PDB file of N, CA and C in Angstrom:
ATOM      1  N   MET A   1      -9.626 -11.370  -3.671  1.00  0.00           N
ATOM      2  CA  MET A   1      -8.647 -10.472  -3.098  1.00  0.00           C
ATOM      3  C   MET A   1      -8.547  -9.235  -3.977  1.00  0.00           C
ATOM      4  N   LYS A   2      -8.641  -8.096  -3.372  1.00  0.00           N
ATOM      5  CA  LYS A   2      -8.548  -6.837  -4.097  1.00  0.00           C
ATOM      6  C   LYS A   2      -7.255  -6.127  -3.717  1.00  0.00           C
ATOM      7  N   GLU A   3      -6.783  -5.306  -4.638  1.00  0.00           N
ATOM      8  CA  GLU A   3      -5.579  -4.520  -4.392  1.00  0.00           C
ATOM      9  C   GLU A   3      -5.966  -3.068  -4.156  1.00  0.00           C
ATOM     10  N   THR A   4      -5.328  -2.458  -3.178  1.00  0.00           N
ATOM     11  CA  THR A   4      -5.595  -1.073  -2.815  1.00  0.00           C
ATOM     12  C   THR A   4      -4.269  -0.380  -2.548  1.00  0.00           C
ATOM     13  N   ILE A   5      -4.120   0.819  -3.084  1.00  0.00           N
ATOM     14  CA  ILE A   5      -2.960   1.648  -2.768  1.00  0.00           C
ATOM     15  C   ILE A   5      -3.300   2.449  -1.521  1.00  0.00           C
ATOM     16  N   ILE A   6      -2.452   2.362  -0.506  1.00  0.00           N
ATOM     17  CA  ILE A   6      -2.612   3.151   0.714  1.00  0.00           C
ATOM     18  C   ILE A   6      -1.408   4.083   0.814  1.00  0.00           C
ATOM     19  N   CYS A   7      -1.670   5.363   0.991  1.00  0.00           N
ATOM     20  CA  CYS A   7      -0.583   6.333   1.120  1.00  0.00           C
ATOM     21  C   CYS A   7      -0.902   7.286   2.264  1.00  0.00           C
ATOM     22  N   TYR A   8       0.138   7.922   2.775  1.00  0.00           N
ATOM     23  CA  TYR A   8      -0.073   8.773   3.930  1.00  0.00           C
ATOM     24  C   TYR A   8       0.859   9.964   3.936  1.00  0.00           C
ATOM     25  N   ASP A   9       0.450  10.974   4.693  1.00  0.00           N
ATOM     26  CA  ASP A   9       1.249  12.155   5.001  1.00  0.00           C
ATOM     27  C   ASP A   9       1.013  12.413   6.487  1.00  0.00           C
ATOM     28  N   ILE A  10       2.020  12.092   7.294  1.00  0.00           N
ATOM     29  CA  ILE A  10       1.893  12.148   8.751  1.00  0.00           C
ATOM     30  C   ILE A  10       2.845  13.216   9.280  1.00  0.00           C
ATOM     31  N   THR A  11       2.345  14.096  10.140  1.00  0.00           N
ATOM     32  CA  THR A  11       3.135  15.242  10.582  1.00  0.00           C
ATOM     33  C   THR A  11       4.047  14.951  11.771  1.00  0.00           C
ATOM     34  N   CYS A  12       3.710  13.984  12.595  1.00  0.00           N
ATOM     35  CA  CYS A  12       4.485  13.688  13.807  1.00  0.00           C
ATOM     36  C   CYS A  12       5.387  12.468  13.565  1.00  0.00           C
ATOM     37  N   PRO A  13       6.686  12.592  13.785  1.00  0.00           N
ATOM     38  CA  PRO A  13       7.594  11.462  13.559  1.00  0.00           C
ATOM     39  C   PRO A  13       7.216  10.199  14.339  1.00  0.00           C
ATOM     40  N   ARG A  14       6.716  10.357  15.547  1.00  0.00           N
ATOM     41  CA  ARG A  14       6.333   9.192  16.355  1.00  0.00           C
ATOM     42  C   ARG A  14       5.137   8.466  15.732  1.00  0.00           C
ATOM     43  N   ARG A  15       4.111   9.224  15.334  1.00  0.00           N
ATOM     44  CA  ARG A  15       2.945   8.612  14.666  1.00  0.00           C
ATOM     45  C   ARG A  15       3.358   8.028  13.326  1.00  0.00           C
ATOM     46  N   LEU A  16       4.230   8.717  12.629  1.00  0.00           N
ATOM     47  CA  LEU A  16       4.720   8.236  11.335  1.00  0.00           C
ATOM     48  C   LEU A  16       5.362   6.863  11.489  1.00  0.00           C
ATOM     49  N   ALA A  17       6.207   6.688  12.493  1.00  0.00           N
ATOM     50  CA  ALA A  17       6.875   5.405  12.715  1.00  0.00           C
ATOM     51  C   ALA A  17       5.865   4.305  13.030  1.00  0.00           C
ATOM     52  N   ARG A  18       4.875   4.620  13.857  1.00  0.00           N
ATOM     53  CA  ARG A  18       3.862   3.621  14.211  1.00  0.00           C
ATOM     54  C   ARG A  18       3.036   3.200  12.998  1.00  0.00           C
ATOM     55  N   ILE A  19       2.622   4.180  12.204  1.00  0.00           N
ATOM     56  CA  ILE A  19       1.812   3.894  11.020  1.00  0.00           C
ATOM     57  C   ILE A  19       2.637   3.118   9.991  1.00  0.00           C
ATOM     58  N   HIS A  20       3.877   3.503   9.818  1.00  0.00           N
ATOM     59  CA  HIS A  20       4.756   2.797   8.871  1.00  0.00           C
ATOM     60  C   HIS A  20       4.952   1.341   9.300  1.00  0.00           C
ATOM     61  N   ARG A  21       5.202   1.107  10.581  1.00  0.00           N
ATOM     62  CA  ARG A  21       5.380  -0.264  11.086  1.00  0.00           C
ATOM     63  C   ARG A  21       4.120  -1.100  10.875  1.00  0.00           C
ATOM     64  N   LEU A  22       2.962  -0.519  11.147  1.00  0.00           N
ATOM     65  CA  LEU A  22       1.710  -1.244  10.959  1.00  0.00           C
ATOM     66  C   LEU A  22       1.522  -1.634   9.500  1.00  0.00           C
ATOM     67  N   LEU A  23       1.744  -0.684   8.604  1.00  0.00           N
ATOM     68  CA  LEU A  23       1.540  -0.980   7.191  1.00  0.00           C
ATOM     69  C   LEU A  23       2.559  -1.987   6.660  1.00  0.00           C
ATOM     70  N   LYS A  24       3.791  -1.944   7.144  1.00  0.00           N
ATOM     71  CA  LYS A  24       4.795  -2.915   6.698  1.00  0.00           C
ATOM     72  C   LYS A  24       4.393  -4.341   7.052  1.00  0.00           C
ATOM     73  N   LYS A  25       3.601  -4.509   8.105  1.00  0.00           N
ATOM     74  CA  LYS A  25       3.130  -5.838   8.497  1.00  0.00           C
ATOM     75  C   LYS A  25       1.972  -6.318   7.626  1.00  0.00           C
ATOM     76  N   GLN A  26       1.236  -5.370   7.018  1.00  0.00           N
ATOM     77  CA  GLN A  26       0.012  -5.738   6.316  1.00  0.00           C
ATOM     78  C   GLN A  26       0.025  -5.474   4.816  1.00  0.00           C
ATOM     79  N   ALA A  27       1.027  -4.762   4.334  1.00  0.00           N
ATOM     80  CA  ALA A  27       1.039  -4.376   2.923  1.00  0.00           C
ATOM     81  C   ALA A  27       2.482  -4.338   2.404  1.00  0.00           C
ATOM     82  N   LEU A  28       2.606  -4.261   1.101  1.00  0.00           N
ATOM     83  CA  LEU A  28       3.916  -4.213   0.450  1.00  0.00           C
ATOM     84  C   LEU A  28       4.331  -2.758   0.262  1.00  0.00           C
ATOM     85  N   PRO A  29       5.470  -2.341   0.821  1.00  0.00           N
ATOM     86  CA  PRO A  29       5.916  -0.959   0.603  1.00  0.00           C
ATOM     87  C   PRO A  29       6.373  -0.769  -0.833  1.00  0.00           C
ATOM     88  N   LEU A  30       5.803   0.230  -1.509  1.00  0.00           N
ATOM     89  CA  LEU A  30       6.192   0.550  -2.878  1.00  0.00           C
ATOM     90  C   LEU A  30       7.130   1.745  -2.911  1.00  0.00           C
ATOM     91  N   GLN A  31       6.869   2.713  -2.048  1.00  0.00           N
ATOM     92  CA  GLN A  31       7.707   3.896  -1.869  1.00  0.00           C
ATOM     93  C   GLN A  31       7.665   4.231  -0.387  1.00  0.00           C
ATOM     94  N   TYR A  32       8.312   5.320   0.027  1.00  0.00           N
ATOM     95  CA  TYR A  32       8.395   5.639   1.451  1.00  0.00           C
ATOM     96  C   TYR A  32       7.033   5.725   2.121  1.00  0.00           C
ATOM     97  N   SER A  33       6.052   6.314   1.492  1.00  0.00           N
ATOM     98  CA  SER A  33       4.738   6.468   2.123  1.00  0.00           C
ATOM     99  C   SER A  33       3.615   5.907   1.255  1.00  0.00           C
ATOM    100  N   VAL A  34       3.935   4.932   0.411  1.00  0.00           N
ATOM    101  CA  VAL A  34       2.952   4.325  -0.480  1.00  0.00           C
ATOM    102  C   VAL A  34       3.060   2.803  -0.360  1.00  0.00           C
ATOM    103  N   PHE A  35       1.911   2.164  -0.110  1.00  0.00           N
ATOM    104  CA  PHE A  35       1.879   0.718   0.099  1.00  0.00           C
ATOM    105  C   PHE A  35       0.820   0.079  -0.796  1.00  0.00           C
ATOM    106  N   LEU A  36       1.050  -1.176  -1.174  1.00  0.00           N
ATOM    107  CA  LEU A  36       0.080  -1.967  -1.910  1.00  0.00           C
ATOM    108  C   LEU A  36      -0.518  -2.971  -0.935  1.00  0.00           C
ATOM    109  N   PHE A  37      -1.800  -2.815  -0.651  1.00  0.00           N
ATOM    110  CA  PHE A  37      -2.524  -3.722   0.234  1.00  0.00           C
ATOM    111  C   PHE A  37      -3.293  -4.707  -0.625  1.00  0.00           C
ATOM    112  N   THR A  38      -3.156  -5.991  -0.343  1.00  0.00           N
ATOM    113  CA  THR A  38      -3.911  -7.023  -1.042  1.00  0.00           C
ATOM    114  C   THR A  38      -4.696  -7.807  -0.004  1.00  0.00           C
ATOM    115  N   GLY A  39      -6.010  -7.828  -0.153  1.00  0.00           N
ATOM    116  CA  GLY A  39      -6.837  -8.553   0.806  1.00  0.00           C
ATOM    117  C   GLY A  39      -8.309  -8.375   0.516  1.00  0.00           C
ATOM    118  N   THR A  40      -9.106  -8.897   1.401  1.00  0.00           N
ATOM    119  CA  THR A  40     -10.560  -8.794   1.260  1.00  0.00           C
ATOM    120  C   THR A  40     -11.018  -7.420   1.735  1.00  0.00           C
ATOM    121  N   ALA A  41     -12.257  -7.108   1.465  1.00  0.00           N
ATOM    122  CA  ALA A  41     -12.824  -5.832   1.924  1.00  0.00           C
ATOM    123  C   ALA A  41     -12.805  -5.758   3.452  1.00  0.00           C
ATOM    124  N   LEU A  42     -13.073  -6.864   4.117  1.00  0.00           N
ATOM    125  CA  LEU A  42     -13.053  -6.893   5.580  1.00  0.00           C
ATOM    126  C   LEU A  42     -11.632  -6.646   6.115  1.00  0.00           C
ATOM    127  N   GLN A  43     -10.629  -7.260   5.491  1.00  0.00           N
ATOM    128  CA  GLN A  43      -9.243  -7.048   5.909  1.00  0.00           C
ATOM    129  C   GLN A  43      -8.833  -5.593   5.704  1.00  0.00           C
ATOM    130  N   LEU A  44      -9.258  -5.005   4.595  1.00  0.00           N
ATOM    131  CA  LEU A  44      -8.950  -3.598   4.335  1.00  0.00           C
ATOM    132  C   LEU A  44      -9.617  -2.704   5.372  1.00  0.00           C
ATOM    133  N   ASP A  45     -10.883  -2.980   5.682  1.00  0.00           N
ATOM    134  CA  ASP A  45     -11.596  -2.192   6.699  1.00  0.00           C
ATOM    135  C   ASP A  45     -10.877  -2.258   8.042  1.00  0.00           C
ATOM    136  N   ARG A  46     -10.403  -3.442   8.414  1.00  0.00           N
ATOM    137  CA  ARG A  46      -9.674  -3.599   9.681  1.00  0.00           C
ATOM    138  C   ARG A  46      -8.370  -2.814   9.671  1.00  0.00           C
ATOM    139  N   CYS A  47      -7.648  -2.886   8.560  1.00  0.00           N
ATOM    140  CA  CYS A  47      -6.385  -2.156   8.430  1.00  0.00           C
ATOM    141  C   CYS A  47      -6.628  -0.650   8.539  1.00  0.00           C
ATOM    142  N   LEU A  48      -7.618  -0.149   7.829  1.00  0.00           N
ATOM    143  CA  LEU A  48      -7.913   1.286   7.862  1.00  0.00           C
ATOM    144  C   LEU A  48      -8.396   1.731   9.242  1.00  0.00           C
ATOM    145  N   ALA A  49      -9.124   0.871   9.929  1.00  0.00           N
ATOM    146  CA  ALA A  49      -9.570   1.205  11.289  1.00  0.00           C
ATOM    147  C   ALA A  49      -8.373   1.305  12.235  1.00  0.00           C
ATOM    148  N   GLN A  50      -7.405   0.407  12.082  1.00  0.00           N
ATOM    149  CA  GLN A  50      -6.188   0.476  12.896  1.00  0.00           C
ATOM    150  C   GLN A  50      -5.416   1.760  12.599  1.00  0.00           C
ATOM    151  N   LEU A  51      -5.316   2.104  11.321  1.00  0.00           N
ATOM    152  CA  LEU A  51      -4.615   3.333  10.940  1.00  0.00           C
ATOM    153  C   LEU A  51      -5.327   4.559  11.503  1.00  0.00           C
ATOM    154  N   GLU A  52      -6.652   4.541  11.461  1.00  0.00           N
ATOM    155  CA  GLU A  52      -7.432   5.673  11.961  1.00  0.00           C
ATOM    156  C   GLU A  52      -7.194   5.902  13.455  1.00  0.00           C
ATOM    157  N   ARG A  53      -7.037   4.801  14.203  1.00  0.00           N
ATOM    158  CA  ARG A  53      -6.768   4.925  15.640  1.00  0.00           C
ATOM    159  C   ARG A  53      -5.379   5.514  15.907  1.00  0.00           C
ATOM    160  N   LEU A  54      -4.436   5.298  15.007  1.00  0.00           N
ATOM    161  CA  LEU A  54      -3.070   5.787  15.202  1.00  0.00           C
ATOM    162  C   LEU A  54      -2.866   7.232  14.742  1.00  0.00           C
ATOM    163  N   MET A  55      -3.683   7.687  13.820  1.00  0.00           N
ATOM    164  CA  MET A  55      -3.471   9.013  13.226  1.00  0.00           C
ATOM    165  C   MET A  55      -4.132  10.130  14.030  1.00  0.00           C
ATOM    166  N   ASP A  56      -3.717  11.349  13.751  1.00  0.00           N
ATOM    167  CA  ASP A  56      -4.363  12.553  14.295  1.00  0.00           C
ATOM    168  C   ASP A  56      -5.118  13.179  13.124  1.00  0.00           C
ATOM    169  N   LYS A  57      -6.441  13.090  13.145  1.00  0.00           N
ATOM    170  CA  LYS A  57      -7.259  13.543  12.016  1.00  0.00           C
ATOM    171  C   LYS A  57      -7.128  15.038  11.734  1.00  0.00           C
ATOM    172  N   ARG A  58      -6.678  15.803  12.702  1.00  0.00           N
ATOM    173  CA  ARG A  58      -6.523  17.249  12.491  1.00  0.00           C
ATOM    174  C   ARG A  58      -5.284  17.577  11.659  1.00  0.00           C
ATOM    175  N   HIS A  59      -4.273  16.701  11.697  1.00  0.00           N
ATOM    176  CA  HIS A  59      -2.999  17.022  11.060  1.00  0.00           C
ATOM    177  C   HIS A  59      -2.537  16.003  10.019  1.00  0.00           C
ATOM    178  N   ASP A  60      -3.005  14.774  10.095  1.00  0.00           N
ATOM    179  CA  ASP A  60      -2.512  13.701   9.232  1.00  0.00           C
ATOM    180  C   ASP A  60      -3.490  13.407   8.101  1.00  0.00           C
ATOM    181  N   ASP A  61      -2.962  12.767   7.066  1.00  0.00           N
ATOM    182  CA  ASP A  61      -3.774  12.410   5.905  1.00  0.00           C
ATOM    183  C   ASP A  61      -3.405  10.993   5.485  1.00  0.00           C
ATOM    184  N   ILE A  62      -4.391  10.093   5.477  1.00  0.00           N
ATOM    185  CA  ILE A  62      -4.209   8.727   4.986  1.00  0.00           C
ATOM    186  C   ILE A  62      -5.272   8.496   3.929  1.00  0.00           C
ATOM    187  N   ARG A  63      -4.837   7.972   2.787  1.00  0.00           N
ATOM    188  CA  ARG A  63      -5.774   7.732   1.686  1.00  0.00           C
ATOM    189  C   ARG A  63      -5.643   6.309   1.171  1.00  0.00           C
ATOM    190  N   ALA A  64      -6.762   5.753   0.709  1.00  0.00           N
ATOM    191  CA  ALA A  64      -6.787   4.412   0.132  1.00  0.00           C
ATOM    192  C   ALA A  64      -7.470   4.480  -1.228  1.00  0.00           C
ATOM    193  N   TYR A  65      -6.784   3.971  -2.245  1.00  0.00           N
ATOM    194  CA  TYR A  65      -7.300   3.999  -3.614  1.00  0.00           C
ATOM    195  C   TYR A  65      -7.402   2.568  -4.138  1.00  0.00           C
ATOM    196  N   PRO A  66      -8.616   2.072  -4.358  1.00  0.00           N
ATOM    197  CA  PRO A  66      -8.748   0.723  -4.904  1.00  0.00           C
ATOM    198  C   PRO A  66      -8.259   0.676  -6.350  1.00  0.00           C
ATOM    199  N   LEU A  67      -7.546  -0.391  -6.690  1.00  0.00           N
ATOM    200  CA  LEU A  67      -7.071  -0.576  -8.061  1.00  0.00           C
ATOM    201  C   LEU A  67      -8.068  -1.448  -8.817  1.00  0.00           C
ATOM    202  N   PRO A  68      -8.302  -1.151 -10.091  1.00  0.00           N
ATOM    203  CA  PRO A  68      -9.190  -2.022 -10.871  1.00  0.00           C
ATOM    204  C   PRO A  68      -8.544  -3.390 -11.063  1.00  0.00           C
ATOM    205  N   GLN A  69      -9.364  -4.427 -11.087  1.00  0.00           N
ATOM    206  CA  GLN A  69      -8.808  -5.770 -11.256  1.00  0.00           C
ATOM    207  C   GLN A  69      -8.160  -5.942 -12.624  1.00  0.00           C
ATOM    208  N   ARG A  70      -8.698  -5.288 -13.600  1.00  0.00           N
ATOM    209  CA  ARG A  70      -8.094  -5.344 -14.941  1.00  0.00           C
ATOM    210  C   ARG A  70      -7.745  -3.915 -15.331  1.00  0.00           C
ATOM    211  N   GLY A  71      -6.487  -3.684 -15.531  1.00  0.00           N
ATOM    212  CA  GLY A  71      -6.079  -2.343 -15.886  1.00  0.00           C
ATOM    213  C   GLY A  71      -4.596  -2.285 -16.191  1.00  0.00           C
ATOM    214  N   LEU A  72      -4.201  -1.218 -16.831  1.00  0.00           N
ATOM    215  CA  LEU A  72      -2.805  -1.017 -17.173  1.00  0.00           C
ATOM    216  C   LEU A  72      -2.046  -0.538 -15.949  1.00  0.00           C
ATOM    217  N   ARG A  73      -0.912  -1.167 -15.666  1.00  0.00           N
ATOM    218  CA  ARG A  73      -0.095  -0.804 -14.512  1.00  0.00           C
ATOM    219  C   ARG A  73       1.344  -0.633 -14.957  1.00  0.00           C
ATOM    220  N   TRP A  74       1.913   0.467 -14.569  1.00  0.00           N
ATOM    221  CA  TRP A  74       3.288   0.769 -14.940  1.00  0.00           C
ATOM    222  C   TRP A  74       4.136   0.919 -13.690  1.00  0.00           C
ATOM    223  N   SER A  75       5.342   0.462 -13.779  1.00  0.00           N
ATOM    224  CA  SER A  75       6.322   0.669 -12.728  1.00  0.00           C
ATOM    225  C   SER A  75       7.584   1.171 -13.409  1.00  0.00           C
ATOM    226  N   LEU A  76       7.924   2.415 -13.149  1.00  0.00           N
ATOM    227  CA  LEU A  76       9.096   3.016 -13.773  1.00  0.00           C
ATOM    228  C   LEU A  76      10.146   3.290 -12.704  1.00  0.00           C
ATOM    229  N   GLY A  77      11.395   3.100 -13.021  1.00  0.00           N
ATOM    230  CA  GLY A  77      12.454   3.391 -12.062  1.00  0.00           C
ATOM    231  C   GLY A  77      12.848   2.175 -11.254  1.00  0.00           C
ATOM    232  N   LYS A  78      13.377   2.422 -10.076  1.00  0.00           N
ATOM    233  CA  LYS A  78      13.885   1.368  -9.204  1.00  0.00           C
ATOM    234  C   LYS A  78      12.777   0.391  -8.832  1.00  0.00           C
ATOM    235  N   ALA A  79      13.077  -0.890  -8.952  1.00  0.00           N
ATOM    236  CA  ALA A  79      12.102  -1.935  -8.642  1.00  0.00           C
ATOM    237  C   ALA A  79      11.907  -2.068  -7.141  1.00  0.00           C
ATOM    238  N   THR A  80      10.701  -2.440  -6.730  1.00  0.00           N
ATOM    239  CA  THR A  80      10.391  -2.652  -5.331  1.00  0.00           C
ATOM    240  C   THR A  80      11.070  -3.914  -4.810  1.00  0.00           C
ATOM    241  N   LEU A  81      11.016  -4.966  -5.610  1.00  0.00           N
ATOM    242  CA  LEU A  81      11.614  -6.243  -5.239  1.00  0.00           C
ATOM    243  C   LEU A  81      12.839  -6.504  -6.112  1.00  0.00           C
ATOM    244  N   PRO A  82      13.804  -7.301  -5.629  1.00  0.00           N
ATOM    245  CA  PRO A  82      14.969  -7.630  -6.446  1.00  0.00           C
ATOM    246  C   PRO A  82      14.565  -8.379  -7.712  1.00  0.00           C
ATOM    247  N   GLU A  83      15.396  -8.270  -8.750  1.00  0.00           N
ATOM    248  CA  GLU A  83      15.111  -8.935 -10.018  1.00  0.00           C
ATOM    249  C   GLU A  83      14.964 -10.435  -9.796  1.00  0.00           C
ATOM    250  N   GLY A  84      13.949 -11.018 -10.412  1.00  0.00           N
ATOM    251  CA  GLY A  84      13.702 -12.440 -10.280  1.00  0.00           C
ATOM    252  C   GLY A  84      12.784 -12.811  -9.122  1.00  0.00           C
ATOM    253  N   ILE A  85      12.461 -11.863  -8.257  1.00  0.00           N
ATOM    254  CA  ILE A  85      11.556 -12.112  -7.128  1.00  0.00           C
ATOM    255  C   ILE A  85      10.197 -11.529  -7.494  1.00  0.00           C
ATOM    256  N   HIS A  86       9.144 -12.359  -7.410  1.00  0.00           N
ATOM    257  CA  HIS A  86       7.809 -11.921  -7.785  1.00  0.00           C
ATOM    258  C   HIS A  86       6.820 -12.339  -6.706  1.00  0.00           C
ATOM    259  N   LEU A  87       5.830 -11.507  -6.468  1.00  0.00           N
ATOM    260  CA  LEU A  87       4.745 -11.874  -5.567  1.00  0.00           C
ATOM    261  C   LEU A  87       3.791 -12.791  -6.310  1.00  0.00           C
ATOM    262  N   GLY A  88       3.168 -13.693  -5.598  1.00  0.00           N
ATOM    263  CA  GLY A  88       2.311 -14.684  -6.226  1.00  0.00           C
ATOM    264  C   GLY A  88       1.164 -14.115  -7.029  1.00  0.00           C
ATOM    265  N   ASP A  89       0.512 -13.053  -6.556  1.00  0.00           N
ATOM    266  CA  ASP A  89      -0.674 -12.568  -7.252  1.00  0.00           C
ATOM    267  C   ASP A  89      -0.400 -11.351  -8.128  1.00  0.00           C
ATOM    268  N   LEU A  90       0.860 -10.960  -8.290  1.00  0.00           N
ATOM    269  CA  LEU A  90       1.208  -9.876  -9.201  1.00  0.00           C
ATOM    270  C   LEU A  90       1.822 -10.475 -10.454  1.00  0.00           C
ATOM    271  N   PRO A  91       1.539  -9.912 -11.627  1.00  0.00           N
ATOM    272  CA  PRO A  91       2.164 -10.430 -12.831  1.00  0.00           C
ATOM    273  C   PRO A  91       3.673 -10.260 -12.762  1.00  0.00           C
ATOM    274  N   ALA A  92       4.395 -11.203 -13.349  1.00  0.00           N
ATOM    275  CA  ALA A  92       5.857 -11.228 -13.250  1.00  0.00           C
ATOM    276  C   ALA A  92       6.521  -9.905 -13.620  1.00  0.00           C
ATOM    277  N   PRO A  93       6.322  -9.356 -14.814  1.00  0.00           N
ATOM    278  CA  PRO A  93       7.049  -8.128 -15.138  1.00  0.00           C
ATOM    279  C   PRO A  93       6.393  -6.851 -14.640  1.00  0.00           C
ATOM    280  N   TRP A  94       5.214  -6.813 -14.189  1.00  0.00           N
ATOM    281  CA  TRP A  94       4.434  -5.680 -13.672  1.00  0.00           C
ATOM    282  C   TRP A  94       4.808  -4.341 -14.291  1.00  0.00           C
ATOM    283  N   ASN A  95       5.300  -4.323 -15.516  1.00  0.00           N
ATOM    284  CA  ASN A  95       5.619  -3.098 -16.244  1.00  0.00           C
ATOM    285  C   ASN A  95       4.748  -3.028 -17.489  1.00  0.00           C
ATOM    286  N   GLY A  96       3.753  -2.191 -17.453  1.00  0.00           N
ATOM    287  CA  GLY A  96       2.899  -2.007 -18.624  1.00  0.00           C
ATOM    288  C   GLY A  96       2.109  -3.241 -18.992  1.00  0.00           C
ATOM    289  N   VAL A  97       1.794  -4.067 -18.044  1.00  0.00           N
ATOM    290  CA  VAL A  97       1.093  -5.308 -18.307  1.00  0.00           C
ATOM    291  C   VAL A  97      -0.376  -5.139 -17.958  1.00  0.00           C
ATOM    292  N   ILE A  98      -1.233  -5.595 -18.818  1.00  0.00           N
ATOM    293  CA  ILE A  98      -2.667  -5.590 -18.510  1.00  0.00           C
ATOM    294  C   ILE A  98      -2.960  -6.882 -17.769  1.00  0.00           C
ATOM    295  N   VAL A  99      -3.512  -6.728 -16.568  1.00  0.00           N
ATOM    296  CA  VAL A  99      -3.804  -7.912 -15.747  1.00  0.00           C
ATOM    297  C   VAL A  99      -5.291  -8.108 -15.613  1.00  0.00           C
TER     298      VAL A  99
END
């Protein structure tokens, strides 16, 4: 399972809502337009293909950035999940931890 950051800039509120709903079903929201996708390469390809069908390529921008399996990760500010709640494949404190 690989982790990928997916982020977007969508110009139409209707498309924005559709894309946001799709990503909320398949990825963890980190910020308003930034999601953490965890899955296989095939699952990521399917997710991106669905997003591509929903977007307008002339006006919208969707990007996917693969995260290295071992690397320094920082989370500063408000936590995504409540204190004491952890995802199974993310390190518990996810603040400055090398995974």
